Structures are given as structure tokens and as C-alpha cells.
Amino acid sequence: MDGTRSWSEVAFGRAELEQARADLPWDNAADVILGGLTVGGRIDRLDLRGDGVAARVTDYKTGALPRTTSAGALAGGSELQRVIYSAAAMRRLSEVRQVVSRLVYLRDGPSAQTLSGDELDGALGEADRFVAAAAGMLLNGSAPVGPDAYEPYNDLRLALPADLESYRRRKVQALEVAAGELSVLWGST
């Protein structure tokens, strides 16, 4: 549709990130609440259709499209960011009736994954639960490692024992108890 407007690096939720930009389509003072917490960040790209009833939020990734995807729209929490972007657009753009959330992977040519409609609504509900569960866990003094702690790309994995599989087998039940509902959202610990 003609008249689509686009913005990049659109800040939300934190006053220190939000510079006065007269061209933004929303009120910078409005909070974005997810899971009972005020969240903030920067949307990589926001497109607003000319009639103002549809928006697209884009999270750019420098890597390649994953060969396998985790179960669920949040992929165990690793794709929470784009859902937070969508929540910001939905809650700050009151006229918008349709939001498309996409991940664009730039390596090996642009490839996109999108969420919209009922799938995006479900992801927003799951994100509310995920953030609330994480906040509750931290408020109770617990901060167990998530599943990505064991991944080869995680530089902090160096702090874990050398016999990682034996360690995981011994600790899996304790980690699941400490993580509570996050264990379910992560898919495993």
C-alpha cells in the first residue's frame, strides 16, 4: 500500500534510550508491560502502512537461518526479542489491527521467518508467562542456567565442569526445580 512509513532503531520503554524524535508514530512516554515488568529496547525496523492499521516489526540477525527451529514461537526463549518488539508496536500503536513480526537472517542472502495473527497472539501470551516466570524466579533468589549455557557458542561455558554430560545428568532435576515454569518454556534444562 502506498504511503508506508519506515523507521529504524525505534526505542521504547526506557526514557534514556528514547531521544525526542518528532517523526515517531507513538508517544515515547507510554510503558510497554510484559509479564508484569516494564520492558524496553530498540526495534531494528518498524514499518507502518499508510492507512495506519497494519505494522511490521523486523529483528535483523547477522547469522544464517537456523537449520532446525525449536518448538514454539519463542523457540525456548531465544526468539523472545521479536515478540517483545511486537508487543511494543501493538501496545503503542492503538490504530493498528494487524502486526507481522519477522526475523530476517542476513547471512547467505536474506531469509525471513514471520509470525502474525493467532500465532503471534499465542507467542505474546507465552512471552507474558515467560517474563513473569523469569521475574518470579529471580525475585525468589534463583538464577539457574538455561539450555543455551551448554551450547558450544556460549563463551561462559568455560565455567562449567569439563565432563559436561555427567554434570548435566547429576544436576538436571535440581535445575528443573529451580527454574520452575521456565523449564517448561525452555523445553528442557
C-alpha atoms as a PDB file:
ATOM      1  CA  MET A   1       0.000   0.000   0.000  1.00  0.00           C
ATOM      2  CA  ASP A   2       1.253   3.460  -0.848  1.00  0.00           C
ATOM      3  CA  GLY A   3       2.303   5.716   1.973  1.00  0.00           C
ATOM      4  CA  THR A   4       4.068   3.102   4.092  1.00  0.00           C
ATOM      5  CA  ARG A   5       6.450   4.779   6.512  1.00  0.00           C
ATOM      6  CA  SER A   6       9.541   3.118   7.959  1.00  0.00           C
ATOM      7  CA  TRP A   7      11.789   3.789  10.933  1.00  0.00           C
ATOM      8  CA  SER A   8      14.949   2.116  12.204  1.00  0.00           C
ATOM      9  CA  GLU A   9      16.336   1.795  15.722  1.00  0.00           C
ATOM     10  CA  VAL A  10      12.996   2.779  17.298  1.00  0.00           C
ATOM     11  CA  ALA A  11      13.447   2.961  21.082  1.00  0.00           C
ATOM     12  CA  PHE A  12      10.700   2.025  23.518  1.00  0.00           C
ATOM     13  CA  GLY A  13      10.238   1.523  27.244  1.00  0.00           C
ATOM     14  CA  ARG A  14      13.310   3.286  28.597  1.00  0.00           C
ATOM     15  CA  ALA A  15      13.491   7.059  28.740  1.00  0.00           C
ATOM     16  CA  GLU A  16      17.289   7.124  28.480  1.00  0.00           C
ATOM     17  CA  LEU A  17      17.089   5.253  25.157  1.00  0.00           C
ATOM     18  CA  GLU A  18      14.373   7.434  23.755  1.00  0.00           C
ATOM     19  CA  GLN A  19      15.553  10.579  22.090  1.00  0.00           C
ATOM     20  CA  ALA A  20      12.946  13.113  21.114  1.00  0.00           C
ATOM     21  CA  ARG A  21      12.045  12.153  17.569  1.00  0.00           C
ATOM     22  CA  ALA A  22       9.122  14.070  16.187  1.00  0.00           C
ATOM     23  CA  ASP A  23       8.765  11.575  13.335  1.00  0.00           C
ATOM     24  CA  LEU A  24       7.837   8.599  15.560  1.00  0.00           C
ATOM     25  CA  PRO A  25       4.277   7.301  15.292  1.00  0.00           C
ATOM     26  CA  TRP A  26       3.794   6.899  19.055  1.00  0.00           C
ATOM     27  CA  ASP A  27       4.102   8.508  22.449  1.00  0.00           C
ATOM     28  CA  ASN A  28       7.562   7.782  23.825  1.00  0.00           C
ATOM     29  CA  ALA A  29       6.306   8.119  27.408  1.00  0.00           C
ATOM     30  CA  ALA A  30       3.977   5.094  27.202  1.00  0.00           C
ATOM     31  CA  ASP A  31       5.167   1.984  29.063  1.00  0.00           C
ATOM     32  CA  VAL A  32       5.342  -1.434  27.455  1.00  0.00           C
ATOM     33  CA  ILE A  33       4.389  -4.043  30.062  1.00  0.00           C
ATOM     34  CA  LEU A  34       5.120  -7.731  29.551  1.00  0.00           C
ATOM     35  CA  GLY A  35       4.787 -10.330  32.284  1.00  0.00           C
ATOM     36  CA  GLY A  36       4.233  -7.574  34.841  1.00  0.00           C
ATOM     37  CA  LEU A  37       7.536  -5.859  34.004  1.00  0.00           C
ATOM     38  CA  THR A  38       8.204  -2.694  32.058  1.00  0.00           C
ATOM     39  CA  VAL A  39      10.356  -3.728  29.111  1.00  0.00           C
ATOM     40  CA  GLY A  40      12.409  -1.608  26.783  1.00  0.00           C
ATOM     41  CA  GLY A  41      14.700  -1.838  23.828  1.00  0.00           C
ATOM     42  CA  ARG A  42      15.117  -0.791  20.229  1.00  0.00           C
ATOM     43  CA  ILE A  43      13.131  -2.175  17.327  1.00  0.00           C
ATOM     44  CA  ASP A  44      15.502  -2.763  14.421  1.00  0.00           C
ATOM     45  CA  ARG A  45      12.879  -1.719  11.873  1.00  0.00           C
ATOM     46  CA  LEU A  46       9.248  -0.634  12.099  1.00  0.00           C
ATOM     47  CA  ASP A  47       7.026  -0.274   9.021  1.00  0.00           C
ATOM     48  CA  LEU A  48       3.590   1.338   9.359  1.00  0.00           C
ATOM     49  CA  ARG A  49       1.135   1.047   6.488  1.00  0.00           C
ATOM     50  CA  GLY A  50      -0.183   4.327   5.101  1.00  0.00           C
ATOM     51  CA  ASP A  51      -3.688   3.795   6.486  1.00  0.00           C
ATOM     52  CA  GLY A  52      -2.207   3.137   9.956  1.00  0.00           C
ATOM     53  CA  VAL A  53      -3.952  -0.184  10.578  1.00  0.00           C
ATOM     54  CA  ALA A  54      -1.067  -2.572   9.848  1.00  0.00           C
ATOM     55  CA  ALA A  55       2.526  -2.677  11.045  1.00  0.00           C
ATOM     56  CA  ARG A  56       5.547  -4.891  10.546  1.00  0.00           C
ATOM     57  CA  VAL A  57       8.381  -5.187  13.051  1.00  0.00           C
ATOM     58  CA  THR A  58      11.696  -6.646  11.972  1.00  0.00           C
ATOM     59  CA  ASP A  59      14.522  -8.087  14.027  1.00  0.00           C
ATOM     60  CA  TYR A  60      17.657  -8.454  11.891  1.00  0.00           C
ATOM     61  CA  LYS A  61      20.078 -11.305  12.616  1.00  0.00           C
ATOM     62  CA  THR A  62      23.604 -11.395  11.196  1.00  0.00           C
ATOM     63  CA  GLY A  63      23.713 -15.195  11.131  1.00  0.00           C
ATOM     64  CA  ALA A  64      22.166 -17.727   8.798  1.00  0.00           C
ATOM     65  CA  LEU A  65      18.634 -19.068   9.042  1.00  0.00           C
ATOM     66  CA  PRO A  66      18.744 -21.889  11.633  1.00  0.00           C
ATOM     67  CA  ARG A  67      18.654 -25.358  10.098  1.00  0.00           C
ATOM     68  CA  THR A  68      16.328 -26.530  12.832  1.00  0.00           C
ATOM     69  CA  THR A  69      13.900 -24.483  14.839  1.00  0.00           C
ATOM     70  CA  SER A  70      12.924 -25.045  18.441  1.00  0.00           C
ATOM     71  CA  ALA A  71       9.358 -25.898  19.318  1.00  0.00           C
ATOM     72  CA  GLY A  72       7.075 -22.953  19.915  1.00  0.00           C
ATOM     73  CA  ALA A  73       7.063 -19.440  18.563  1.00  0.00           C
ATOM     74  CA  LEU A  74       9.534 -18.297  21.214  1.00  0.00           C
ATOM     75  CA  ALA A  75      11.960 -21.127  20.434  1.00  0.00           C
ATOM     76  CA  GLY A  76      12.536 -21.719  24.129  1.00  0.00           C
ATOM     77  CA  GLY A  77      13.158 -18.015  24.719  1.00  0.00           C
ATOM     78  CA  SER A  78      15.766 -17.462  22.012  1.00  0.00           C
ATOM     79  CA  GLU A  79      13.231 -15.583  19.862  1.00  0.00           C
ATOM     80  CA  LEU A  80      11.657 -13.560  22.659  1.00  0.00           C
ATOM     81  CA  GLN A  81      13.087 -10.316  21.272  1.00  0.00           C
ATOM     82  CA  ARG A  82      10.886 -10.085  18.189  1.00  0.00           C
ATOM     83  CA  VAL A  83       7.790 -10.831  20.269  1.00  0.00           C
ATOM     84  CA  ILE A  84       8.736  -8.007  22.640  1.00  0.00           C
ATOM     85  CA  TYR A  85       9.064  -5.740  19.579  1.00  0.00           C
ATOM     86  CA  SER A  86       5.577  -6.801  18.504  1.00  0.00           C
ATOM     87  CA  ALA A  87       4.176  -6.098  21.972  1.00  0.00           C
ATOM     88  CA  ALA A  88       5.645  -2.593  21.789  1.00  0.00           C
ATOM     89  CA  ALA A  89       4.048  -1.946  18.402  1.00  0.00           C
ATOM     90  CA  MET A  90       0.668  -3.379  19.420  1.00  0.00           C
ATOM     91  CA  ARG A  91       0.513  -1.501  22.707  1.00  0.00           C
ATOM     92  CA  ARG A  92       1.785   1.823  21.413  1.00  0.00           C
ATOM     93  CA  LEU A  93       0.005   1.984  18.057  1.00  0.00           C
ATOM     94  CA  SER A  94      -3.651   1.985  19.070  1.00  0.00           C
ATOM     95  CA  GLU A  95      -4.997   2.122  15.500  1.00  0.00           C
ATOM     96  CA  VAL A  96      -3.041  -0.937  14.348  1.00  0.00           C
ATOM     97  CA  ARG A  97      -5.171  -4.059  13.886  1.00  0.00           C
ATOM     98  CA  GLN A  98      -2.567  -6.319  12.263  1.00  0.00           C
ATOM     99  CA  VAL A  99       1.088  -6.806  13.188  1.00  0.00           C
ATOM    100  CA  VAL A 100       3.544  -9.007  11.341  1.00  0.00           C
ATOM    101  CA  SER A 101       6.676  -9.885  13.285  1.00  0.00           C
ATOM    102  CA  ARG A 102       9.648 -11.143  11.359  1.00  0.00           C
ATOM    103  CA  LEU A 103      13.195 -12.322  11.830  1.00  0.00           C
ATOM    104  CA  VAL A 104      15.456 -11.587   8.877  1.00  0.00           C
ATOM    105  CA  TYR A 105      18.671 -13.599   8.705  1.00  0.00           C
ATOM    106  CA  LEU A 106      21.282 -11.816   6.582  1.00  0.00           C
ATOM    107  CA  ARG A 107      23.954 -14.474   6.051  1.00  0.00           C
ATOM    108  CA  ASP A 108      23.641 -16.461   2.806  1.00  0.00           C
ATOM    109  CA  GLY A 109      21.129 -13.958   1.410  1.00  0.00           C
ATOM    110  CA  PRO A 110      18.204 -12.560   3.355  1.00  0.00           C
ATOM    111  CA  SER A 111      15.791 -15.198   4.680  1.00  0.00           C
ATOM    112  CA  ALA A 112      12.767 -14.317   6.792  1.00  0.00           C
ATOM    113  CA  GLN A 113      10.578 -16.086   9.342  1.00  0.00           C
ATOM    114  CA  THR A 114       7.285 -14.410  10.203  1.00  0.00           C
ATOM    115  CA  LEU A 115       4.645 -14.533  12.927  1.00  0.00           C
ATOM    116  CA  SER A 116       1.223 -12.920  12.650  1.00  0.00           C
ATOM    117  CA  GLY A 117      -2.409 -13.363  13.625  1.00  0.00           C
ATOM    118  CA  ASP A 118      -3.260 -16.141  16.081  1.00  0.00           C
ATOM    119  CA  GLU A 119       0.311 -17.450  16.075  1.00  0.00           C
ATOM    120  CA  LEU A 120       1.643 -14.039  17.161  1.00  0.00           C
ATOM    121  CA  ASP A 121      -1.134 -13.667  19.760  1.00  0.00           C
ATOM    122  CA  GLY A 122      -0.156 -17.057  21.189  1.00  0.00           C
ATOM    123  CA  ALA A 123       3.510 -16.039  21.248  1.00  0.00           C
ATOM    124  CA  LEU A 124       2.594 -12.853  23.137  1.00  0.00           C
ATOM    125  CA  GLY A 125       0.733 -14.905  25.750  1.00  0.00           C
ATOM    126  CA  GLU A 126       3.687 -17.266  26.038  1.00  0.00           C
ATOM    127  CA  ALA A 127       6.058 -14.269  26.361  1.00  0.00           C
ATOM    128  CA  ASP A 128       3.935 -12.838  29.189  1.00  0.00           C
ATOM    129  CA  ARG A 129       4.253 -16.172  31.015  1.00  0.00           C
ATOM    130  CA  PHE A 130       7.973 -16.473  30.241  1.00  0.00           C
ATOM    131  CA  VAL A 131       8.841 -12.983  31.528  1.00  0.00           C
ATOM    132  CA  ALA A 132       6.628 -13.331  34.626  1.00  0.00           C
ATOM    133  CA  ALA A 133       8.182 -16.727  35.436  1.00  0.00           C
ATOM    134  CA  ALA A 134      11.732 -15.385  34.995  1.00  0.00           C
ATOM    135  CA  ALA A 135      11.000 -12.345  37.166  1.00  0.00           C
ATOM    136  CA  GLY A 136       9.452 -14.524  39.870  1.00  0.00           C
ATOM    137  CA  MET A 137      12.396 -16.880  39.831  1.00  0.00           C
ATOM    138  CA  LEU A 138      14.882 -14.010  40.208  1.00  0.00           C
ATOM    139  CA  LEU A 139      12.818 -12.357  42.957  1.00  0.00           C
ATOM    140  CA  ASN A 140      12.956 -15.670  44.836  1.00  0.00           C
ATOM    141  CA  GLY A 141      16.756 -15.626  44.626  1.00  0.00           C
ATOM    142  CA  SER A 142      17.145 -18.316  41.991  1.00  0.00           C
ATOM    143  CA  ALA A 143      19.014 -17.911  38.707  1.00  0.00           C
ATOM    144  CA  PRO A 144      19.692 -21.356  37.209  1.00  0.00           C
ATOM    145  CA  VAL A 145      21.392 -21.696  33.866  1.00  0.00           C
ATOM    146  CA  GLY A 146      19.224 -22.023  30.800  1.00  0.00           C
ATOM    147  CA  PRO A 147      19.681 -24.540  27.997  1.00  0.00           C
ATOM    148  CA  ASP A 148      21.991 -22.259  25.998  1.00  0.00           C
ATOM    149  CA  ALA A 149      24.605 -22.425  28.792  1.00  0.00           C
ATOM    150  CA  TYR A 150      25.671 -25.790  27.354  1.00  0.00           C
ATOM    151  CA  GLU A 151      25.890 -24.685  23.727  1.00  0.00           C
ATOM    152  CA  PRO A 152      29.343 -24.656  22.086  1.00  0.00           C
ATOM    153  CA  TYR A 153      28.974 -20.971  21.095  1.00  0.00           C
ATOM    154  CA  ASN A 154      28.485 -19.846  24.728  1.00  0.00           C
ATOM    155  CA  ASP A 155      31.764 -18.326  25.945  1.00  0.00           C
ATOM    156  CA  LEU A 156      30.663 -18.710  29.583  1.00  0.00           C
ATOM    157  CA  ARG A 157      30.534 -22.481  29.153  1.00  0.00           C
ATOM    158  CA  LEU A 158      34.184 -22.388  30.184  1.00  0.00           C
ATOM    159  CA  ALA A 159      32.987 -22.009  33.812  1.00  0.00           C
ATOM    160  CA  LEU A 160      31.189 -25.368  33.671  1.00  0.00           C
ATOM    161  CA  PRO A 161      32.925 -28.681  34.508  1.00  0.00           C
ATOM    162  CA  ALA A 162      34.932 -30.404  31.784  1.00  0.00           C
ATOM    163  CA  ASP A 163      32.722 -33.511  31.916  1.00  0.00           C
ATOM    164  CA  LEU A 164      29.647 -31.568  30.896  1.00  0.00           C
ATOM    165  CA  GLU A 165      27.319 -34.500  30.183  1.00  0.00           C
ATOM    166  CA  SER A 166      27.960 -36.102  33.567  1.00  0.00           C
ATOM    167  CA  TYR A 167      27.357 -32.733  35.227  1.00  0.00           C
ATOM    168  CA  ARG A 168      24.083 -32.249  33.350  1.00  0.00           C
ATOM    169  CA  ARG A 169      22.819 -35.699  34.346  1.00  0.00           C
ATOM    170  CA  ARG A 170      23.585 -35.006  38.019  1.00  0.00           C
ATOM    171  CA  LYS A 171      22.054 -31.513  38.004  1.00  0.00           C
ATOM    172  CA  VAL A 172      19.063 -31.793  35.662  1.00  0.00           C
ATOM    173  CA  GLN A 173      16.444 -32.387  38.352  1.00  0.00           C
ATOM    174  CA  ALA A 174      17.754 -29.617  40.620  1.00  0.00           C
ATOM    175  CA  LEU A 175      17.884 -27.210  37.669  1.00  0.00           C
ATOM    176  CA  GLU A 176      14.320 -28.057  36.649  1.00  0.00           C
ATOM    177  CA  VAL A 177      13.068 -27.438  40.197  1.00  0.00           C
ATOM    178  CA  ALA A 178      14.980 -24.144  40.448  1.00  0.00           C
ATOM    179  CA  ALA A 179      13.778 -22.991  37.018  1.00  0.00           C
ATOM    180  CA  GLY A 180      10.149 -23.852  37.786  1.00  0.00           C
ATOM    181  CA  GLU A 181       7.855 -22.906  34.903  1.00  0.00           C
ATOM    182  CA  LEU A 182      10.846 -21.751  32.846  1.00  0.00           C
ATOM    183  CA  SER A 183      11.805 -25.411  32.411  1.00  0.00           C
ATOM    184  CA  VAL A 184       8.555 -25.942  30.533  1.00  0.00           C
ATOM    185  CA  LEU A 185       9.010 -22.778  28.477  1.00  0.00           C
ATOM    186  CA  TRP A 186      12.646 -23.608  27.713  1.00  0.00           C
ATOM    187  CA  GLY A 187      11.650 -27.094  26.646  1.00  0.00           C
ATOM    188  CA  SER A 188      14.384 -28.647  28.780  1.00  0.00           C
ATOM    189  CA  THR A 189      17.238 -27.637  31.017  1.00  0.00           C
END
